[in-house]
């Protein structure tokens, strides 16, 4: 199993992620993981980190993180563009702009290490229950389609 993890890590390090911040993130993930349960963390370190931090900060009843990087002009397998759907009591009485700021603040480290764009749907449980509980597809990238 360790050999498989090393093989995946080596491929990720040799991939199109040439910026030091990506290499560092993948290298740190690969050295700290040794079980099959950790494989998802190696393959999706940004998404995993986002999920953990948002769950801890907001204790959401709904948390969906969608990697939309494939819709953009970035290398295959990138983790740069995400949509977050988060439903939490923590948003009660908080204006929409402030909800977005709170989410962005929790993910400050991720923005500094490769997260480029984040679409946020942040609702209270009551708002979520009254809604269709569906989030529409994001519009096409204006900077070109994925590679």
C-alpha atoms as a PDB file:
ATOM      1  CA  UNK A   1       0.000   0.000   0.000  1.00  0.00           C
ATOM      2  CA  UNK A   2       2.815   2.426   0.835  1.00  0.00           C
ATOM      3  CA  UNK A   3       4.273   1.802  -2.635  1.00  0.00           C
ATOM      4  CA  UNK A   4       0.928   2.738  -4.238  1.00  0.00           C
ATOM      5  CA  UNK A   5       0.769   5.928  -2.171  1.00  0.00           C
ATOM      6  CA  UNK A   6       4.345   6.787  -3.177  1.00  0.00           C
ATOM      7  CA  UNK A   7       3.544   6.131  -6.829  1.00  0.00           C
ATOM      8  CA  UNK A   8       0.496   8.394  -6.733  1.00  0.00           C
ATOM      9  CA  UNK A   9       2.442  11.060  -4.861  1.00  0.00           C
ATOM     10  CA  UNK A  10       5.262  10.935  -7.388  1.00  0.00           C
ATOM     11  CA  UNK A  11       2.810  11.321 -10.273  1.00  0.00           C
ATOM     12  CA  UNK A  12       1.146  14.274  -8.577  1.00  0.00           C
ATOM     13  CA  UNK A  13       4.461  15.953  -7.909  1.00  0.00           C
ATOM     14  CA  UNK A  14       5.476  15.498 -11.557  1.00  0.00           C
ATOM     15  CA  UNK A  15       2.125  16.733 -12.858  1.00  0.00           C
ATOM     16  CA  UNK A  16       1.408  20.140 -14.289  1.00  0.00           C
ATOM     17  CA  UNK A  17       1.433  21.676 -10.806  1.00  0.00           C
ATOM     18  CA  UNK A  18       4.738  23.447 -11.063  1.00  0.00           C
ATOM     19  CA  UNK A  19       4.229  26.262  -8.591  1.00  0.00           C
ATOM     20  CA  UNK A  20       6.010  25.672  -5.293  1.00  0.00           C
ATOM     21  CA  UNK A  21       2.822  26.093  -3.287  1.00  0.00           C
ATOM     22  CA  UNK A  22       1.203  23.128  -5.083  1.00  0.00           C
ATOM     23  CA  UNK A  23       4.312  20.979  -4.820  1.00  0.00           C
ATOM     24  CA  UNK A  24       4.616  21.755  -1.117  1.00  0.00           C
ATOM     25  CA  UNK A  25       0.961  20.915  -0.450  1.00  0.00           C
ATOM     26  CA  UNK A  26       1.218  17.596  -2.282  1.00  0.00           C
ATOM     27  CA  UNK A  27       4.541  16.716  -0.684  1.00  0.00           C
ATOM     28  CA  UNK A  28       3.217  17.383   2.809  1.00  0.00           C
ATOM     29  CA  UNK A  29       0.084  15.333   2.140  1.00  0.00           C
ATOM     30  CA  UNK A  30       2.010  12.414   0.716  1.00  0.00           C
ATOM     31  CA  UNK A  31       4.451  12.162   3.599  1.00  0.00           C
ATOM     32  CA  UNK A  32       1.751  12.232   6.260  1.00  0.00           C
ATOM     33  CA  UNK A  33      -0.510   9.585   4.711  1.00  0.00           C
ATOM     34  CA  UNK A  34       0.113   5.864   4.831  1.00  0.00           C
ATOM     35  CA  UNK A  35      -3.267   4.127   4.818  1.00  0.00           C
ATOM     36  CA  UNK A  36      -5.885   3.632   2.137  1.00  0.00           C
ATOM     37  CA  UNK A  37      -8.188   5.907   4.141  1.00  0.00           C
ATOM     38  CA  UNK A  38      -5.700   8.691   3.485  1.00  0.00           C
ATOM     39  CA  UNK A  39      -5.716   8.182  -0.289  1.00  0.00           C
ATOM     40  CA  UNK A  40      -8.532  10.723  -0.766  1.00  0.00           C
ATOM     41  CA  UNK A  41      -6.487  13.286   1.146  1.00  0.00           C
ATOM     42  CA  UNK A  42      -3.560  12.790  -1.223  1.00  0.00           C
ATOM     43  CA  UNK A  43      -5.652  12.962  -4.363  1.00  0.00           C
ATOM     44  CA  UNK A  44      -7.801  15.920  -3.183  1.00  0.00           C
ATOM     45  CA  UNK A  45      -5.797  17.832  -0.561  1.00  0.00           C
ATOM     46  CA  UNK A  46      -7.476  21.215  -1.172  1.00  0.00           C
ATOM     47  CA  UNK A  47     -11.002  19.815  -1.098  1.00  0.00           C
ATOM     48  CA  UNK A  48     -10.227  17.753   2.002  1.00  0.00           C
ATOM     49  CA  UNK A  49      -8.766  20.745   3.817  1.00  0.00           C
ATOM     50  CA  UNK A  50     -11.721  22.937   2.885  1.00  0.00           C
ATOM     51  CA  UNK A  51     -14.220  20.334   4.061  1.00  0.00           C
ATOM     52  CA  UNK A  52     -12.467  19.887   7.404  1.00  0.00           C
ATOM     53  CA  UNK A  53     -12.133  23.602   8.131  1.00  0.00           C
ATOM     54  CA  UNK A  54     -15.689  24.503   7.121  1.00  0.00           C
ATOM     55  CA  UNK A  55     -17.148  21.614   9.135  1.00  0.00           C
ATOM     56  CA  UNK A  56     -15.195  22.665  12.229  1.00  0.00           C
ATOM     57  CA  UNK A  57     -15.995  26.370  11.892  1.00  0.00           C
ATOM     58  CA  UNK A  58     -19.700  26.216  11.041  1.00  0.00           C
ATOM     59  CA  UNK A  59     -20.981  22.783  12.152  1.00  0.00           C
ATOM     60  CA  UNK A  60     -23.173  22.714   9.023  1.00  0.00           C
ATOM     61  CA  UNK A  61     -26.231  20.555   8.474  1.00  0.00           C
ATOM     62  CA  UNK A  62     -25.394  20.589   4.747  1.00  0.00           C
ATOM     63  CA  UNK A  63     -21.901  20.905   3.306  1.00  0.00           C
ATOM     64  CA  UNK A  64     -21.270  20.261  -0.363  1.00  0.00           C
ATOM     65  CA  UNK A  65     -17.954  21.061  -1.978  1.00  0.00           C
ATOM     66  CA  UNK A  66     -17.809  20.785  -5.762  1.00  0.00           C
ATOM     67  CA  UNK A  67     -14.521  21.023  -7.627  1.00  0.00           C
ATOM     68  CA  UNK A  68     -15.316  23.048 -10.746  1.00  0.00           C
ATOM     69  CA  UNK A  69     -11.717  23.363 -11.899  1.00  0.00           C
ATOM     70  CA  UNK A  70     -12.396  21.114 -14.904  1.00  0.00           C
ATOM     71  CA  UNK A  71     -14.588  23.915 -16.293  1.00  0.00           C
ATOM     72  CA  UNK A  72     -11.625  26.280 -16.460  1.00  0.00           C
ATOM     73  CA  UNK A  73      -8.376  26.641 -18.347  1.00  0.00           C
ATOM     74  CA  UNK A  74      -6.244  24.800 -15.786  1.00  0.00           C
ATOM     75  CA  UNK A  75      -4.362  21.479 -15.874  1.00  0.00           C
ATOM     76  CA  UNK A  76      -6.381  18.296 -15.465  1.00  0.00           C
ATOM     77  CA  UNK A  77      -6.755  17.336 -11.809  1.00  0.00           C
ATOM     78  CA  UNK A  78      -6.441  20.919 -10.558  1.00  0.00           C
ATOM     79  CA  UNK A  79      -8.070  22.132  -7.364  1.00  0.00           C
ATOM     80  CA  UNK A  80      -8.382  25.838  -8.057  1.00  0.00           C
ATOM     81  CA  UNK A  81     -12.094  26.553  -8.607  1.00  0.00           C
ATOM     82  CA  UNK A  82     -14.777  25.363  -6.171  1.00  0.00           C
ATOM     83  CA  UNK A  83     -18.430  25.791  -5.328  1.00  0.00           C
ATOM     84  CA  UNK A  84     -19.393  25.495  -1.659  1.00  0.00           C
ATOM     85  CA  UNK A  85     -22.951  24.955  -0.479  1.00  0.00           C
ATOM     86  CA  UNK A  86     -23.119  25.376   3.274  1.00  0.00           C
ATOM     87  CA  UNK A  87     -26.163  25.432   5.554  1.00  0.00           C
ATOM     88  CA  UNK A  88     -25.570  26.397   9.163  1.00  0.00           C
ATOM     89  CA  UNK A  89     -27.238  27.944  12.196  1.00  0.00           C
ATOM     90  CA  UNK A  90     -24.118  30.122  12.389  1.00  0.00           C
ATOM     91  CA  UNK A  91     -25.575  32.207   9.534  1.00  0.00           C
ATOM     92  CA  UNK A  92     -28.738  33.113  11.444  1.00  0.00           C
ATOM     93  CA  UNK A  93     -29.098  36.907  11.499  1.00  0.00           C
ATOM     94  CA  UNK A  94     -25.945  37.359   9.380  1.00  0.00           C
ATOM     95  CA  UNK A  95     -26.176  39.260   6.089  1.00  0.00           C
ATOM     96  CA  UNK A  96     -25.188  37.422   2.923  1.00  0.00           C
ATOM     97  CA  UNK A  97     -22.009  39.430   2.347  1.00  0.00           C
ATOM     98  CA  UNK A  98     -20.894  38.731   5.921  1.00  0.00           C
ATOM     99  CA  UNK A  99     -21.582  34.996   5.454  1.00  0.00           C
ATOM    100  CA  UNK A 100     -19.339  34.977   2.403  1.00  0.00           C
ATOM    101  CA  UNK A 101     -16.643  36.871   4.288  1.00  0.00           C
ATOM    102  CA  UNK A 102     -16.796  34.352   7.123  1.00  0.00           C
ATOM    103  CA  UNK A 103     -16.383  31.438   4.698  1.00  0.00           C
ATOM    104  CA  UNK A 104     -13.548  33.222   2.886  1.00  0.00           C
ATOM    105  CA  UNK A 105     -11.806  33.962   6.196  1.00  0.00           C
ATOM    106  CA  UNK A 106     -11.944  30.296   7.224  1.00  0.00           C
ATOM    107  CA  UNK A 107     -10.349  29.381   3.873  1.00  0.00           C
ATOM    108  CA  UNK A 108      -7.699  32.121   3.961  1.00  0.00           C
ATOM    109  CA  UNK A 109      -4.850  29.591   3.967  1.00  0.00           C
ATOM    110  CA  UNK A 110      -6.304  27.789   0.938  1.00  0.00           C
ATOM    111  CA  UNK A 111      -6.530  31.056  -1.011  1.00  0.00           C
ATOM    112  CA  UNK A 112      -2.843  31.532  -0.269  1.00  0.00           C
ATOM    113  CA  UNK A 113      -1.946  28.063  -1.516  1.00  0.00           C
ATOM    114  CA  UNK A 114      -3.730  27.685  -4.838  1.00  0.00           C
ATOM    115  CA  UNK A 115      -7.467  28.222  -4.373  1.00  0.00           C
ATOM    116  CA  UNK A 116      -8.295  30.760  -7.076  1.00  0.00           C
ATOM    117  CA  UNK A 117     -12.092  31.048  -7.168  1.00  0.00           C
ATOM    118  CA  UNK A 118     -14.890  30.155  -4.789  1.00  0.00           C
ATOM    119  CA  UNK A 119     -18.625  30.270  -5.451  1.00  0.00           C
ATOM    120  CA  UNK A 120     -20.525  30.285  -2.156  1.00  0.00           C
ATOM    121  CA  UNK A 121     -24.123  29.424  -1.333  1.00  0.00           C
ATOM    122  CA  UNK A 122     -24.516  30.081   2.407  1.00  0.00           C
ATOM    123  CA  UNK A 123     -27.945  29.640   3.980  1.00  0.00           C
ATOM    124  CA  UNK A 124     -29.595  29.094   7.323  1.00  0.00           C
ATOM    125  CA  UNK A 125     -31.462  25.805   7.833  1.00  0.00           C
ATOM    126  CA  UNK A 126     -34.797  27.637   7.504  1.00  0.00           C
ATOM    127  CA  UNK A 127     -33.726  29.255   4.219  1.00  0.00           C
ATOM    128  CA  UNK A 128     -32.532  25.885   2.947  1.00  0.00           C
ATOM    129  CA  UNK A 129     -35.813  24.174   3.867  1.00  0.00           C
ATOM    130  CA  UNK A 130     -37.812  26.886   2.064  1.00  0.00           C
ATOM    131  CA  UNK A 131     -35.620  26.630  -1.037  1.00  0.00           C
ATOM    132  CA  UNK A 132     -35.565  23.984  -3.747  1.00  0.00           C
ATOM    133  CA  UNK A 133     -32.437  22.605  -2.027  1.00  0.00           C
ATOM    134  CA  UNK A 134     -30.758  22.555  -5.400  1.00  0.00           C
ATOM    135  CA  UNK A 135     -27.978  24.767  -6.644  1.00  0.00           C
ATOM    136  CA  UNK A 136     -27.744  25.594 -10.315  1.00  0.00           C
ATOM    137  CA  UNK A 137     -24.773  24.821 -12.482  1.00  0.00           C
ATOM    138  CA  UNK A 138     -22.103  27.490 -12.672  1.00  0.00           C
ATOM    139  CA  UNK A 139     -21.788  29.451 -15.912  1.00  0.00           C
ATOM    140  CA  UNK A 140     -19.050  28.570 -18.396  1.00  0.00           C
ATOM    141  CA  UNK A 141     -15.618  30.016 -17.786  1.00  0.00           C
ATOM    142  CA  UNK A 142     -15.025  33.275 -19.658  1.00  0.00           C
ATOM    143  CA  UNK A 143     -11.297  32.569 -19.705  1.00  0.00           C
ATOM    144  CA  UNK A 144     -11.601  29.439 -21.829  1.00  0.00           C
ATOM    145  CA  UNK A 145     -12.673  25.859 -21.340  1.00  0.00           C
ATOM    146  CA  UNK A 146     -10.721  23.312 -19.346  1.00  0.00           C
ATOM    147  CA  UNK A 147      -7.680  21.621 -20.862  1.00  0.00           C
END
